[in-house]
Amino acid sequence: MTRTPLRVSFAGGGTDLPEFYEVEEGAVLSAAVDKYVYVTVKRHSDIFNEPIRINYSRTEQVNSIEEIDNNIARECLKFLNIEPPIFISTVADMPASTGMGGSSSFAVGLLHALHAFRGERVTAGQLAEEACHIEMEVLKEPIGKQDQYAAAFGGLNLLRFGRGGRVTVEPQPVRSGSVASLFSNIMMFWTGHQRPAASVLTEQRSNTSRNLDVLRHMRNDAYEFRALCSGQHIELEPVGEALHRGWEMKRRLASKITTSEIDSHYARALEAGAEGGKLCGAGGGGFLMFIVKPEKRERVRQALADLPLVALGYEVHGSRVLYPAA
């Protein structure tokens, strides 16, 4: 059994796509959070009538790996040459397609569980690259490389993306609980809308050449955001301003990133006192994240009373094998 965190990105999202980092270096500042994808793998008993059973939002009972509908599960099993009978079960703390990197966390967590099933220890870097290979090269998903690395490594990282898909992970020092303090001033609201990242990222990728200047500014914001989080005390006003600036730029990358409903929620939060915020993930739905001072939390909560508020914390660890215990 593995436990793999989801993530939030603070700045630089979109510069982890090949269309950008093959032109010039991309950078994303992201953090793993205390919401997880759990994956269990075991040898399936011969007394069952099917060689393969996979439990997720639905249950698949099939006779061969090629028959599996779940793309990530099928390709991970093929990649690691896992032979039936096999049982896989997964459950997550957040719904799928909500902008927190759940698909990549599942890929990383499943690969980690399958390696452990084979008695193998693997590094975070290997897990991240294998998940990128499955999602981007095998399945041809129009995504970037930040989610896989955030899930595999955990913590707060500046992720840098270079030509050829080279990724550099720069863990950021956490001083005197400063990151925990930052998270204590985050308010995250569930918009109620799920949208697969591919539906937004396909258009965003096709717009890359004309959005290079915007993406450069977003990349540079990742470095600025890192500086804002590097001290012993994090000032909320400039952090909120940086998030807001990034959100304003991100809205320009594709037509489906925001909606009139999301814009209305966002505007109400700012009017109620939020320092700034963004929509997590590719766009179109998912979670709205805001920086809010303690004395303004109740006002913001009332302004968005029609949306569920989700508690969010920081996770220092990446994907971990929970059982068997190391």
C-alpha atoms as a PDB file:
ATOM      1  CA  MET A   1       0.000   0.000   0.000  1.00  0.00           C
ATOM      2  CA  THR A   2       1.286   3.436  -0.929  1.00  0.00           C
ATOM      3  CA  ARG A   3       0.220   6.947   0.056  1.00  0.00           C
ATOM      4  CA  THR A   4       1.001   9.720  -2.430  1.00  0.00           C
ATOM      5  CA  PRO A   5       0.253  13.420  -1.857  1.00  0.00           C
ATOM      6  CA  LEU A   6      -1.621  15.814  -4.070  1.00  0.00           C
ATOM      7  CA  ARG A   7      -0.152  19.269  -4.700  1.00  0.00           C
ATOM      8  CA  VAL A   8      -0.824  22.958  -5.111  1.00  0.00           C
ATOM      9  CA  SER A   9       1.333  25.127  -7.378  1.00  0.00           C
ATOM     10  CA  PHE A  10       1.912  28.724  -6.356  1.00  0.00           C
ATOM     11  CA  ALA A  11       3.583  30.104  -9.482  1.00  0.00           C
ATOM     12  CA  GLY A  12       4.922  29.098 -12.879  1.00  0.00           C
ATOM     13  CA  GLY A  13       2.217  26.647 -13.908  1.00  0.00           C
ATOM     14  CA  GLY A  14       2.211  26.157 -17.680  1.00  0.00           C
ATOM     15  CA  THR A  15       5.967  26.520 -18.061  1.00  0.00           C
ATOM     16  CA  ASP A  16       6.329  22.790 -17.329  1.00  0.00           C
ATOM     17  CA  LEU A  17       4.836  21.958 -20.727  1.00  0.00           C
ATOM     18  CA  PRO A  18       7.238  20.744 -23.462  1.00  0.00           C
ATOM     19  CA  GLU A  19       6.101  23.494 -25.814  1.00  0.00           C
ATOM     20  CA  PHE A  20       7.685  25.999 -23.410  1.00  0.00           C
ATOM     21  CA  TYR A  21      10.634  24.207 -21.829  1.00  0.00           C
ATOM     22  CA  GLU A  22      11.958  23.045 -25.199  1.00  0.00           C
ATOM     23  CA  VAL A  23      12.239  26.742 -26.087  1.00  0.00           C
ATOM     24  CA  GLU A  24      13.593  28.028 -22.773  1.00  0.00           C
ATOM     25  CA  GLU A  25      13.723  26.963 -19.147  1.00  0.00           C
ATOM     26  CA  GLY A  26      10.499  26.650 -17.220  1.00  0.00           C
ATOM     27  CA  ALA A  27      10.039  26.869 -13.448  1.00  0.00           C
ATOM     28  CA  VAL A  28       7.225  26.055 -11.023  1.00  0.00           C
ATOM     29  CA  LEU A  29       7.061  26.574  -7.266  1.00  0.00           C
ATOM     30  CA  SER A  30       4.781  23.937  -5.781  1.00  0.00           C
ATOM     31  CA  ALA A  31       4.055  22.187  -2.498  1.00  0.00           C
ATOM     32  CA  ALA A  32       2.695  18.789  -1.586  1.00  0.00           C
ATOM     33  CA  VAL A  33      -0.413  18.889   0.614  1.00  0.00           C
ATOM     34  CA  ASP A  34      -2.004  16.649   3.205  1.00  0.00           C
ATOM     35  CA  LYS A  35      -4.512  15.164   0.777  1.00  0.00           C
ATOM     36  CA  TYR A  36      -3.580  11.796  -0.687  1.00  0.00           C
ATOM     37  CA  VAL A  37      -4.118   9.010  -3.184  1.00  0.00           C
ATOM     38  CA  TYR A  38      -3.873   5.535  -1.629  1.00  0.00           C
ATOM     39  CA  VAL A  39      -3.063   2.521  -3.797  1.00  0.00           C
ATOM     40  CA  THR A  40      -3.168  -1.125  -2.735  1.00  0.00           C
ATOM     41  CA  VAL A  41      -1.658  -3.900  -4.850  1.00  0.00           C
ATOM     42  CA  LYS A  42      -1.782  -7.611  -4.028  1.00  0.00           C
ATOM     43  CA  ARG A  43      -1.679 -10.957  -5.719  1.00  0.00           C
ATOM     44  CA  HIS A  44      -5.278 -11.858  -6.554  1.00  0.00           C
ATOM     45  CA  SER A  45      -6.519 -15.156  -5.215  1.00  0.00           C
ATOM     46  CA  ASP A  46      -6.988 -18.031  -7.645  1.00  0.00           C
ATOM     47  CA  ILE A  47     -10.434 -18.761  -6.191  1.00  0.00           C
ATOM     48  CA  PHE A  48     -11.879 -15.669  -7.903  1.00  0.00           C
ATOM     49  CA  ASN A  49     -13.252 -16.010 -11.389  1.00  0.00           C
ATOM     50  CA  GLU A  50     -11.263 -13.121 -12.870  1.00  0.00           C
ATOM     51  CA  PRO A  51      -7.467 -12.814 -13.125  1.00  0.00           C
ATOM     52  CA  ILE A  52      -7.526  -9.009 -12.771  1.00  0.00           C
ATOM     53  CA  ARG A  53      -9.670  -6.802 -10.567  1.00  0.00           C
ATOM     54  CA  ILE A  54      -9.226  -3.032 -10.328  1.00  0.00           C
ATOM     55  CA  ASN A  55     -11.266  -0.901  -7.929  1.00  0.00           C
ATOM     56  CA  TYR A  56     -11.443   2.885  -8.341  1.00  0.00           C
ATOM     57  CA  SER A  57     -14.568   4.988  -9.058  1.00  0.00           C
ATOM     58  CA  ARG A  58     -15.751   1.810 -10.795  1.00  0.00           C
ATOM     59  CA  THR A  59     -14.736  -1.833 -10.643  1.00  0.00           C
ATOM     60  CA  GLU A  60     -13.104  -3.646 -13.551  1.00  0.00           C
ATOM     61  CA  GLN A  61     -12.957  -7.436 -13.655  1.00  0.00           C
ATOM     62  CA  VAL A  62     -11.065  -8.565 -16.745  1.00  0.00           C
ATOM     63  CA  ASN A  63      -9.035 -11.476 -18.017  1.00  0.00           C
ATOM     64  CA  SER A  64      -6.057  -9.672 -19.534  1.00  0.00           C
ATOM     65  CA  ILE A  65      -4.131  -6.449 -19.031  1.00  0.00           C
ATOM     66  CA  GLU A  66      -5.029  -5.276 -22.550  1.00  0.00           C
ATOM     67  CA  GLU A  67      -8.733  -5.307 -21.569  1.00  0.00           C
ATOM     68  CA  ILE A  68      -8.274  -2.762 -18.741  1.00  0.00           C
ATOM     69  CA  ASP A  69     -10.105   0.509 -19.418  1.00  0.00           C
ATOM     70  CA  ASN A  70      -8.179   2.551 -16.856  1.00  0.00           C
ATOM     71  CA  ASN A  71      -5.382   3.913 -19.026  1.00  0.00           C
ATOM     72  CA  ILE A  72      -2.852   4.574 -16.274  1.00  0.00           C
ATOM     73  CA  ALA A  73      -3.401   1.213 -14.568  1.00  0.00           C
ATOM     74  CA  ARG A  74      -3.136  -0.678 -17.863  1.00  0.00           C
ATOM     75  CA  GLU A  75       0.065   1.025 -18.983  1.00  0.00           C
ATOM     76  CA  CYS A  76       1.765   0.835 -15.584  1.00  0.00           C
ATOM     77  CA  LEU A  77       1.138  -2.920 -15.467  1.00  0.00           C
ATOM     78  CA  LYS A  78       2.500  -3.302 -18.991  1.00  0.00           C
ATOM     79  CA  PHE A  79       5.501  -1.073 -18.287  1.00  0.00           C
ATOM     80  CA  LEU A  80       6.603  -3.152 -15.289  1.00  0.00           C
ATOM     81  CA  ASN A  81       5.673  -6.499 -16.882  1.00  0.00           C
ATOM     82  CA  ILE A  82       3.248  -7.458 -14.108  1.00  0.00           C
ATOM     83  CA  GLU A  83       1.556 -10.775 -14.790  1.00  0.00           C
ATOM     84  CA  PRO A  84      -1.969 -11.665 -13.559  1.00  0.00           C
ATOM     85  CA  PRO A  85      -3.546 -12.545 -11.246  1.00  0.00           C
ATOM     86  CA  ILE A  86      -3.415  -9.074  -9.717  1.00  0.00           C
ATOM     87  CA  PHE A  87      -5.700  -6.914  -7.543  1.00  0.00           C
ATOM     88  CA  ILE A  88      -5.443  -3.109  -7.484  1.00  0.00           C
ATOM     89  CA  SER A  89      -7.532  -0.755  -5.385  1.00  0.00           C
ATOM     90  CA  THR A  90      -7.275   3.015  -5.109  1.00  0.00           C
ATOM     91  CA  VAL A  91      -9.054   5.693  -3.106  1.00  0.00           C
ATOM     92  CA  ALA A  92      -8.374   9.431  -2.896  1.00  0.00           C
ATOM     93  CA  ASP A  93      -9.093  12.249  -0.462  1.00  0.00           C
ATOM     94  CA  MET A  94     -10.205  14.553  -3.299  1.00  0.00           C
ATOM     95  CA  PRO A  95     -12.311  14.003  -6.425  1.00  0.00           C
ATOM     96  CA  ALA A  96     -10.543  13.414  -9.728  1.00  0.00           C
ATOM     97  CA  SER A  97     -10.064  16.211 -12.283  1.00  0.00           C
ATOM     98  CA  THR A  98     -10.030  19.010  -9.702  1.00  0.00           C
ATOM     99  CA  GLY A  99      -6.677  20.671 -10.356  1.00  0.00           C
ATOM    100  CA  MET A 100      -4.533  19.092  -7.647  1.00  0.00           C
ATOM    101  CA  GLY A 101      -2.585  16.628  -9.767  1.00  0.00           C
ATOM    102  CA  GLY A 102      -4.612  13.548  -8.849  1.00  0.00           C
ATOM    103  CA  SER A 103      -3.959  11.576 -12.039  1.00  0.00           C
ATOM    104  CA  SER A 104      -0.202  11.950 -11.695  1.00  0.00           C
ATOM    105  CA  SER A 105      -0.365  11.116  -7.985  1.00  0.00           C
ATOM    106  CA  PHE A 106      -2.204   7.933  -8.932  1.00  0.00           C
ATOM    107  CA  ALA A 107       0.437   7.098 -11.550  1.00  0.00           C
ATOM    108  CA  VAL A 108       3.284   7.702  -9.092  1.00  0.00           C
ATOM    109  CA  GLY A 109       1.521   5.819  -6.291  1.00  0.00           C
ATOM    110  CA  LEU A 110       0.656   2.837  -8.481  1.00  0.00           C
ATOM    111  CA  LEU A 111       4.180   2.561  -9.878  1.00  0.00           C
ATOM    112  CA  HIS A 112       5.552   2.789  -6.331  1.00  0.00           C
ATOM    113  CA  ALA A 113       3.203   0.035  -5.159  1.00  0.00           C
ATOM    114  CA  LEU A 114       4.045  -2.188  -8.124  1.00  0.00           C
ATOM    115  CA  HIS A 115       7.775  -1.773  -7.542  1.00  0.00           C
ATOM    116  CA  ALA A 116       7.278  -2.674  -3.868  1.00  0.00           C
ATOM    117  CA  PHE A 117       5.156  -5.655  -4.975  1.00  0.00           C
ATOM    118  CA  ARG A 118       8.200  -6.831  -6.967  1.00  0.00           C
ATOM    119  CA  GLY A 119      10.465  -6.261  -3.959  1.00  0.00           C
ATOM    120  CA  GLU A 120      12.164  -3.214  -5.468  1.00  0.00           C
ATOM    121  CA  ARG A 121      13.177   0.079  -3.889  1.00  0.00           C
ATOM    122  CA  VAL A 122      13.031   3.078  -6.184  1.00  0.00           C
ATOM    123  CA  THR A 123      14.051   6.717  -5.908  1.00  0.00           C
ATOM    124  CA  ALA A 124      11.643   9.639  -6.109  1.00  0.00           C
ATOM    125  CA  GLY A 125      13.319  10.722  -9.326  1.00  0.00           C
ATOM    126  CA  GLN A 126      12.794   7.335 -10.946  1.00  0.00           C
ATOM    127  CA  LEU A 127       9.127   7.285  -9.929  1.00  0.00           C
ATOM    128  CA  ALA A 128       8.564  10.779 -11.319  1.00  0.00           C
ATOM    129  CA  GLU A 129      10.230  10.012 -14.641  1.00  0.00           C
ATOM    130  CA  GLU A 130       8.397   6.707 -15.044  1.00  0.00           C
ATOM    131  CA  ALA A 131       5.073   8.451 -14.391  1.00  0.00           C
ATOM    132  CA  CYS A 132       5.979  11.174 -16.924  1.00  0.00           C
ATOM    133  CA  HIS A 133       6.822   8.465 -19.449  1.00  0.00           C
ATOM    134  CA  ILE A 134       3.476   6.720 -18.937  1.00  0.00           C
ATOM    135  CA  GLU A 135       1.345   9.864 -19.064  1.00  0.00           C
ATOM    136  CA  MET A 136       3.181  11.992 -21.616  1.00  0.00           C
ATOM    137  CA  GLU A 137       4.899   9.528 -23.964  1.00  0.00           C
ATOM    138  CA  VAL A 138       2.747   6.395 -23.833  1.00  0.00           C
ATOM    139  CA  LEU A 139      -0.702   7.914 -23.292  1.00  0.00           C
ATOM    140  CA  LYS A 140       0.131  11.187 -25.102  1.00  0.00           C
ATOM    141  CA  GLU A 141      -1.647  13.287 -22.471  1.00  0.00           C
ATOM    142  CA  PRO A 142      -1.160  17.030 -23.168  1.00  0.00           C
ATOM    143  CA  ILE A 143       0.248  17.673 -19.697  1.00  0.00           C
ATOM    144  CA  GLY A 144       3.499  18.855 -18.143  1.00  0.00           C
ATOM    145  CA  LYS A 145       5.970  17.384 -15.663  1.00  0.00           C
ATOM    146  CA  GLN A 146       5.300  19.287 -12.439  1.00  0.00           C
ATOM    147  CA  ASP A 147       2.627  17.011 -10.945  1.00  0.00           C
ATOM    148  CA  GLN A 148       4.645  13.801 -11.120  1.00  0.00           C
ATOM    149  CA  TYR A 149       7.645  15.399  -9.414  1.00  0.00           C
ATOM    150  CA  ALA A 150       5.551  17.085  -6.723  1.00  0.00           C
ATOM    151  CA  ALA A 151       3.882  13.748  -5.917  1.00  0.00           C
ATOM    152  CA  ALA A 152       7.117  11.759  -5.862  1.00  0.00           C
ATOM    153  CA  PHE A 153       9.267  14.215  -3.880  1.00  0.00           C
ATOM    154  CA  GLY A 154       6.811  15.962  -1.549  1.00  0.00           C
ATOM    155  CA  GLY A 155       7.679  19.153   0.311  1.00  0.00           C
ATOM    156  CA  LEU A 156       8.052  22.665  -1.086  1.00  0.00           C
ATOM    157  CA  ASN A 157      10.143  22.708  -4.264  1.00  0.00           C
ATOM    158  CA  LEU A 158      11.251  24.915  -7.065  1.00  0.00           C
ATOM    159  CA  LEU A 159      11.023  22.644 -10.104  1.00  0.00           C
ATOM    160  CA  ARG A 160      13.047  23.690 -13.136  1.00  0.00           C
ATOM    161  CA  PHE A 161      12.374  22.242 -16.585  1.00  0.00           C
ATOM    162  CA  GLY A 162      14.950  22.217 -19.374  1.00  0.00           C
ATOM    163  CA  ARG A 163      15.312  21.012 -22.926  1.00  0.00           C
ATOM    164  CA  GLY A 164      14.892  17.314 -23.434  1.00  0.00           C
ATOM    165  CA  GLY A 165      12.596  17.157 -20.420  1.00  0.00           C
ATOM    166  CA  ARG A 166      15.399  17.494 -17.865  1.00  0.00           C
ATOM    167  CA  VAL A 167      13.994  18.343 -14.430  1.00  0.00           C
ATOM    168  CA  THR A 168      15.922  19.870 -11.530  1.00  0.00           C
ATOM    169  CA  VAL A 169      14.314  19.642  -8.085  1.00  0.00           C
ATOM    170  CA  GLU A 170      15.387  22.355  -5.649  1.00  0.00           C
ATOM    171  CA  PRO A 171      13.900  21.689  -2.174  1.00  0.00           C
ATOM    172  CA  GLN A 172      13.190  24.951  -0.413  1.00  0.00           C
ATOM    173  CA  PRO A 173      14.299  25.438   3.193  1.00  0.00           C
ATOM    174  CA  VAL A 174      11.440  25.576   5.666  1.00  0.00           C
ATOM    175  CA  ARG A 175      12.318  28.067   8.404  1.00  0.00           C
ATOM    176  CA  SER A 176      10.694  28.109  11.849  1.00  0.00           C
ATOM    177  CA  GLY A 177       7.356  26.774  10.639  1.00  0.00           C
ATOM    178  CA  SER A 178       7.036  29.472   7.987  1.00  0.00           C
ATOM    179  CA  VAL A 179       5.437  27.158   5.423  1.00  0.00           C
ATOM    180  CA  ALA A 180       3.005  25.793   8.008  1.00  0.00           C
ATOM    181  CA  SER A 181       2.152  29.416   8.811  1.00  0.00           C
ATOM    182  CA  LEU A 182       1.557  30.103   5.110  1.00  0.00           C
ATOM    183  CA  PHE A 183      -0.804  27.141   4.857  1.00  0.00           C
ATOM    184  CA  SER A 184      -2.680  28.277   7.958  1.00  0.00           C
ATOM    185  CA  ASN A 185      -3.588  31.408   5.996  1.00  0.00           C
ATOM    186  CA  ILE A 186      -4.786  29.550   2.898  1.00  0.00           C
ATOM    187  CA  MET A 187      -8.502  29.126   2.315  1.00  0.00           C
ATOM    188  CA  MET A 188      -9.509  26.627  -0.362  1.00  0.00           C
ATOM    189  CA  PHE A 189     -13.025  26.375  -1.774  1.00  0.00           C
ATOM    190  CA  TRP A 190     -14.507  23.602  -3.899  1.00  0.00           C
ATOM    191  CA  THR A 191     -16.228  25.027  -6.991  1.00  0.00           C
ATOM    192  CA  GLY A 192     -18.177  21.816  -7.545  1.00  0.00           C
ATOM    193  CA  HIS A 193     -16.946  21.459 -11.115  1.00  0.00           C
ATOM    194  CA  GLN A 194     -14.627  18.743 -12.426  1.00  0.00           C
ATOM    195  CA  ARG A 195     -12.837  19.091 -15.736  1.00  0.00           C
ATOM    196  CA  PRO A 196     -10.028  16.884 -17.088  1.00  0.00           C
ATOM    197  CA  ALA A 197      -6.852  18.914 -17.572  1.00  0.00           C
ATOM    198  CA  ALA A 198      -6.523  17.725 -21.168  1.00  0.00           C
ATOM    199  CA  SER A 199      -9.567  19.718 -22.281  1.00  0.00           C
ATOM    200  CA  VAL A 200      -7.860  22.978 -21.253  1.00  0.00           C
ATOM    201  CA  LEU A 201      -4.204  22.112 -21.814  1.00  0.00           C
ATOM    202  CA  THR A 202      -4.688  21.087 -25.441  1.00  0.00           C
ATOM    203  CA  GLU A 203      -5.727  24.649 -26.306  1.00  0.00           C
ATOM    204  CA  GLN A 204      -3.087  26.144 -24.004  1.00  0.00           C
ATOM    205  CA  ARG A 205      -0.335  24.145 -25.703  1.00  0.00           C
ATOM    206  CA  SER A 206      -1.447  25.289 -29.149  1.00  0.00           C
ATOM    207  CA  ASN A 207      -1.297  28.912 -27.939  1.00  0.00           C
ATOM    208  CA  THR A 208       2.226  28.643 -26.501  1.00  0.00           C
ATOM    209  CA  SER A 209       4.101  30.453 -29.285  1.00  0.00           C
ATOM    210  CA  ARG A 210       1.921  33.543 -29.039  1.00  0.00           C
ATOM    211  CA  ASN A 211       1.934  33.458 -25.217  1.00  0.00           C
ATOM    212  CA  LEU A 212       5.701  33.189 -24.732  1.00  0.00           C
ATOM    213  CA  ASP A 213       5.997  36.599 -23.060  1.00  0.00           C
ATOM    214  CA  VAL A 214       3.188  35.787 -20.623  1.00  0.00           C
ATOM    215  CA  LEU A 215       4.751  32.427 -19.811  1.00  0.00           C
ATOM    216  CA  ARG A 216       8.144  34.057 -19.239  1.00  0.00           C
ATOM    217  CA  HIS A 217       6.548  36.371 -16.676  1.00  0.00           C
ATOM    218  CA  MET A 218       4.845  33.374 -15.035  1.00  0.00           C
ATOM    219  CA  ARG A 219       8.178  31.517 -14.934  1.00  0.00           C
ATOM    220  CA  ASN A 220       9.863  34.523 -13.348  1.00  0.00           C
ATOM    221  CA  ASP A 221       7.060  34.706 -10.779  1.00  0.00           C
ATOM    222  CA  ALA A 222       8.100  31.252  -9.571  1.00  0.00           C
ATOM    223  CA  TYR A 223      11.521  32.659  -8.646  1.00  0.00           C
ATOM    224  CA  GLU A 224       9.940  35.711  -7.024  1.00  0.00           C
ATOM    225  CA  PHE A 225       7.505  33.559  -5.071  1.00  0.00           C
ATOM    226  CA  ARG A 226      10.425  31.457  -3.840  1.00  0.00           C
ATOM    227  CA  ALA A 227      12.057  34.612  -2.481  1.00  0.00           C
ATOM    228  CA  LEU A 228       8.835  35.586  -0.716  1.00  0.00           C
ATOM    229  CA  CYS A 229       8.796  32.202   1.051  1.00  0.00           C
ATOM    230  CA  SER A 230      12.493  32.092   1.948  1.00  0.00           C
ATOM    231  CA  GLY A 231      12.445  34.164   5.133  1.00  0.00           C
ATOM    232  CA  GLN A 232      11.592  33.192   8.685  1.00  0.00           C
ATOM    233  CA  HIS A 233       8.332  35.109   8.367  1.00  0.00           C
ATOM    234  CA  ILE A 234       6.151  35.139   5.255  1.00  0.00           C
ATOM    235  CA  GLU A 235       4.380  38.422   4.521  1.00  0.00           C
ATOM    236  CA  LEU A 236       0.860  37.647   3.340  1.00  0.00           C
ATOM    237  CA  GLU A 237       0.223  40.792   1.297  1.00  0.00           C
ATOM    238  CA  PRO A 238       2.991  40.266  -1.302  1.00  0.00           C
ATOM    239  CA  VAL A 239       2.221  36.545  -1.445  1.00  0.00           C
ATOM    240  CA  GLY A 240      -1.413  37.307  -2.172  1.00  0.00           C
ATOM    241  CA  GLU A 241      -0.420  39.909  -4.763  1.00  0.00           C
ATOM    242  CA  ALA A 242       1.858  37.391  -6.483  1.00  0.00           C
ATOM    243  CA  LEU A 243      -0.913  34.792  -6.618  1.00  0.00           C
ATOM    244  CA  HIS A 244      -3.337  37.344  -8.039  1.00  0.00           C
ATOM    245  CA  ARG A 245      -0.839  38.495 -10.657  1.00  0.00           C
ATOM    246  CA  GLY A 246      -0.218  34.902 -11.699  1.00  0.00           C
ATOM    247  CA  TRP A 247      -3.945  34.235 -11.960  1.00  0.00           C
ATOM    248  CA  GLU A 248      -4.464  37.293 -14.151  1.00  0.00           C
ATOM    249  CA  MET A 249      -1.731  36.072 -16.501  1.00  0.00           C
ATOM    250  CA  LYS A 250      -2.932  32.471 -16.496  1.00  0.00           C
ATOM    251  CA  ARG A 251      -6.402  33.563 -17.613  1.00  0.00           C
ATOM    252  CA  ARG A 252      -4.822  34.773 -20.865  1.00  0.00           C
ATOM    253  CA  LEU A 253      -3.404  31.373 -21.855  1.00  0.00           C
ATOM    254  CA  ALA A 254      -6.635  29.683 -23.030  1.00  0.00           C
ATOM    255  CA  SER A 255     -10.353  30.385 -23.332  1.00  0.00           C
ATOM    256  CA  LYS A 256     -11.506  27.606 -20.990  1.00  0.00           C
ATOM    257  CA  ILE A 257      -9.322  28.428 -17.993  1.00  0.00           C
ATOM    258  CA  THR A 258     -12.040  30.387 -16.226  1.00  0.00           C
ATOM    259  CA  THR A 259     -15.804  30.867 -16.360  1.00  0.00           C
ATOM    260  CA  SER A 260     -18.141  33.678 -15.400  1.00  0.00           C
ATOM    261  CA  GLU A 261     -19.125  31.692 -12.297  1.00  0.00           C
ATOM    262  CA  ILE A 262     -15.501  31.223 -11.203  1.00  0.00           C
ATOM    263  CA  ASP A 263     -14.796  34.918 -11.855  1.00  0.00           C
ATOM    264  CA  SER A 264     -17.769  35.842  -9.673  1.00  0.00           C
ATOM    265  CA  HIS A 265     -16.557  33.658  -6.800  1.00  0.00           C
ATOM    266  CA  TYR A 266     -13.071  35.128  -7.116  1.00  0.00           C
ATOM    267  CA  ALA A 267     -14.280  38.728  -7.132  1.00  0.00           C
ATOM    268  CA  ARG A 268     -16.443  38.181  -4.040  1.00  0.00           C
ATOM    269  CA  ALA A 269     -13.505  36.743  -2.129  1.00  0.00           C
ATOM    270  CA  LEU A 270     -11.317  39.752  -2.945  1.00  0.00           C
ATOM    271  CA  GLU A 271     -14.095  42.167  -1.977  1.00  0.00           C
ATOM    272  CA  ALA A 272     -14.381  40.353   1.360  1.00  0.00           C
ATOM    273  CA  GLY A 273     -10.696  40.816   2.113  1.00  0.00           C
ATOM    274  CA  ALA A 274      -8.690  38.018   0.493  1.00  0.00           C
ATOM    275  CA  GLU A 275      -5.160  39.179  -0.387  1.00  0.00           C
ATOM    276  CA  GLY A 276      -5.216  37.257  -3.664  1.00  0.00           C
ATOM    277  CA  GLY A 277      -5.715  33.800  -5.049  1.00  0.00           C
ATOM    278  CA  LYS A 278      -5.926  31.495  -8.029  1.00  0.00           C
ATOM    279  CA  LEU A 279      -7.750  28.535  -9.467  1.00  0.00           C
ATOM    280  CA  CYS A 280      -5.750  25.370  -8.900  1.00  0.00           C
ATOM    281  CA  GLY A 281      -4.746  23.263 -11.886  1.00  0.00           C
ATOM    282  CA  ALA A 282      -5.377  23.704 -15.579  1.00  0.00           C
ATOM    283  CA  GLY A 283      -8.679  25.536 -15.133  1.00  0.00           C
ATOM    284  CA  GLY A 284     -12.385  25.285 -15.790  1.00  0.00           C
ATOM    285  CA  GLY A 285     -13.217  23.959 -12.327  1.00  0.00           C
ATOM    286  CA  GLY A 286     -11.682  22.411  -9.253  1.00  0.00           C
ATOM    287  CA  PHE A 287     -10.540  24.456  -6.252  1.00  0.00           C
ATOM    288  CA  LEU A 288     -10.159  28.177  -5.669  1.00  0.00           C
ATOM    289  CA  MET A 289      -7.263  28.963  -3.319  1.00  0.00           C
ATOM    290  CA  PHE A 290      -6.891  32.292  -1.497  1.00  0.00           C
ATOM    291  CA  ILE A 291      -4.455  33.917   0.917  1.00  0.00           C
ATOM    292  CA  VAL A 292      -6.526  35.372   3.751  1.00  0.00           C
ATOM    293  CA  LYS A 293      -5.421  37.050   6.966  1.00  0.00           C
ATOM    294  CA  PRO A 294      -6.948  35.575  10.156  1.00  0.00           C
ATOM    295  CA  GLU A 295      -9.121  38.609  10.831  1.00  0.00           C
ATOM    296  CA  LYS A 296     -10.647  38.379   7.335  1.00  0.00           C
ATOM    297  CA  ARG A 297     -11.373  34.640   7.267  1.00  0.00           C
ATOM    298  CA  GLU A 298     -14.937  34.870   8.509  1.00  0.00           C
ATOM    299  CA  ARG A 299     -15.836  37.588   6.015  1.00  0.00           C
ATOM    300  CA  VAL A 300     -14.405  35.561   3.132  1.00  0.00           C
ATOM    301  CA  ARG A 301     -16.160  32.445   4.398  1.00  0.00           C
ATOM    302  CA  GLN A 302     -19.489  34.272   4.419  1.00  0.00           C
ATOM    303  CA  ALA A 303     -18.867  35.763   0.971  1.00  0.00           C
ATOM    304  CA  LEU A 304     -18.418  32.241  -0.423  1.00  0.00           C
ATOM    305  CA  ALA A 305     -20.946  30.536   1.825  1.00  0.00           C
ATOM    306  CA  ASP A 306     -22.328  28.635  -1.167  1.00  0.00           C
ATOM    307  CA  LEU A 307     -18.996  26.800  -1.656  1.00  0.00           C
ATOM    308  CA  PRO A 308     -17.562  24.073   0.608  1.00  0.00           C
ATOM    309  CA  LEU A 309     -14.406  25.113   2.474  1.00  0.00           C
ATOM    310  CA  VAL A 310     -11.647  22.471   2.479  1.00  0.00           C
ATOM    311  CA  ALA A 311      -8.932  22.431   5.150  1.00  0.00           C
ATOM    312  CA  LEU A 312      -5.452  22.183   3.666  1.00  0.00           C
ATOM    313  CA  GLY A 313      -2.067  21.463   5.216  1.00  0.00           C
ATOM    314  CA  TYR A 314       1.531  21.006   4.140  1.00  0.00           C
ATOM    315  CA  GLU A 315       3.081  17.579   3.470  1.00  0.00           C
ATOM    316  CA  VAL A 316       6.849  17.218   3.686  1.00  0.00           C
ATOM    317  CA  HIS A 317       6.943  13.639   2.338  1.00  0.00           C
ATOM    318  CA  GLY A 318       6.421  12.407  -1.188  1.00  0.00           C
ATOM    319  CA  SER A 319       5.030   9.005  -2.157  1.00  0.00           C
ATOM    320  CA  ARG A 320       5.581   6.471   0.630  1.00  0.00           C
ATOM    321  CA  VAL A 321       5.097   2.727   1.057  1.00  0.00           C
ATOM    322  CA  LEU A 322       2.817   2.288   4.075  1.00  0.00           C
ATOM    323  CA  TYR A 323       2.666  -1.510   4.003  1.00  0.00           C
ATOM    324  CA  PRO A 324       4.682  -3.581   4.313  1.00  0.00           C
ATOM    325  CA  ALA A 325       6.474  -1.216   6.691  1.00  0.00           C
ATOM    326  CA  ALA A 326      10.058  -0.435   5.726  1.00  0.00           C
END
